[in-house]
Amino acid sequence: MFNTPQYHTACQIQRKILEALGLEMQQANQTPKPAPHAPKLRPAEICSLAKAWSDIEDRKRILRMKGLPKPVEANSGPKKAKPKTFVE
């Protein structure tokens, strides 16, 4: 996939964050499962780890040379059907 050392380092840091949260990866691309030795963390520590995860995901996006996702327009609701114009 991405063979840059920086990308692999970011992935290793994310594995360490998962371990600090008490989660472990069973296999690649699967949902992490709770580890048997889950540490007790304060909410501030969990918040800090979650922000670090988000920052690393952003750095990985930059290393993959991908742009930011397009913003969602809040005003675009369901479109109304146009009135029928065909008359017999």
Protein backbone atom coordinates (compact mmCIF):
# COMPACT_ATOMS: atom_id res chain seq x y z
CA MET A 1 0.00 0.00 0.00
CA PHE A 2 2.17 2.87 1.24
CA ASN A 3 5.80 2.04 1.71
CA THR A 4 7.04 5.28 3.22
CA PRO A 5 8.66 4.99 6.64
CA GLN A 6 6.58 7.92 7.88
CA TYR A 7 3.32 6.12 7.02
CA HIS A 8 4.43 2.93 8.80
CA THR A 9 5.53 4.96 11.81
CA ALA A 10 2.09 6.59 11.96
CA CYS A 11 0.46 3.14 11.87
CA GLN A 12 2.71 1.91 14.70
CA ILE A 13 1.80 4.96 16.78
CA GLN A 14 -1.87 4.17 16.21
CA ARG A 15 -1.30 0.60 17.42
CA LYS A 16 0.25 2.02 20.60
CA ILE A 17 -2.76 4.32 21.06
CA LEU A 18 -5.07 1.31 20.77
CA GLU A 19 -3.00 -0.53 23.38
CA ALA A 20 -3.20 2.50 25.70
CA LEU A 21 -7.00 2.49 25.27
CA GLY A 22 -7.12 -1.21 26.15
CA LEU A 23 -7.87 -2.45 22.63
CA GLU A 24 -5.95 -4.85 20.46
CA MET A 25 -6.06 -5.61 16.76
CA GLN A 26 -6.80 -9.22 15.91
CA GLN A 27 -6.07 -8.89 12.19
CA ALA A 28 -5.57 -6.02 9.76
CA ASN A 29 -8.72 -4.13 8.70
CA GLN A 30 -10.87 -5.53 11.49
CA THR A 31 -12.54 -3.89 14.45
CA PRO A 32 -10.26 -3.82 17.51
CA LYS A 33 -11.38 -5.95 20.45
CA PRO A 34 -11.02 -5.20 24.16
CA ALA A 35 -7.78 -6.46 25.63
CA PRO A 36 -7.91 -8.56 28.80
CA HIS A 37 -5.66 -6.06 30.60
CA ALA A 38 -7.61 -2.86 29.84
CA PRO A 39 -6.14 0.07 31.79
CA LYS A 40 -8.28 2.51 33.75
CA LEU A 41 -8.07 5.91 32.04
CA ARG A 42 -9.42 9.26 33.07
CA PRO A 43 -11.69 11.08 30.62
CA ALA A 44 -8.95 13.65 29.93
CA GLU A 45 -6.54 10.87 28.94
CA ILE A 46 -9.12 9.28 26.64
CA CYS A 47 -9.76 12.68 25.05
CA SER A 48 -6.05 13.20 24.48
CA LEU A 49 -5.64 9.77 22.88
CA ALA A 50 -8.68 10.32 20.65
CA LYS A 51 -7.28 13.68 19.45
CA ALA A 52 -3.90 12.06 18.77
CA TRP A 53 -5.66 9.35 16.72
CA SER A 54 -7.48 12.01 14.70
CA ASP A 55 -4.25 13.95 14.08
CA ILE A 56 -2.44 10.81 12.92
CA GLU A 57 -5.29 9.95 10.54
CA ASP A 58 -4.96 13.44 9.06
CA ARG A 59 -1.19 13.01 8.65
CA LYS A 60 -1.72 9.64 6.97
CA ARG A 61 -4.16 11.30 4.56
CA ILE A 62 -1.49 13.87 3.71
CA LEU A 63 1.13 11.14 3.20
CA ARG A 64 -1.27 9.38 0.82
CA MET A 65 -1.54 12.73 -1.04
CA LYS A 66 -5.32 12.84 -0.68
CA GLY A 67 -7.29 16.06 -0.36
CA LEU A 68 -9.78 16.97 2.30
CA PRO A 69 -13.24 15.50 1.92
CA LYS A 70 -15.79 17.80 0.33
CA PRO A 71 -18.02 19.63 2.83
CA VAL A 72 -21.62 18.56 3.17
CA GLU A 73 -24.16 21.22 2.22
CA ALA A 74 -26.73 21.53 4.99
CA ASN A 75 -29.26 23.34 2.77
CA SER A 76 -29.61 20.52 0.28
CA GLY A 77 -32.66 18.71 1.60
CA PRO A 78 -34.98 16.42 -0.30
CA LYS A 79 -35.81 17.90 -3.68
CA LYS A 80 -39.43 18.57 -4.55
CA ALA A 81 -40.88 16.82 -7.54
CA LYS A 82 -41.45 19.06 -10.54
CA PRO A 83 -45.07 19.51 -11.56
CA LYS A 84 -46.22 17.26 -14.35
CA THR A 85 -46.39 19.02 -17.71
CA PHE A 86 -47.80 16.27 -19.87
CA VAL A 87 -51.52 16.67 -20.60
CA GLU A 88 -53.66 14.49 -22.88
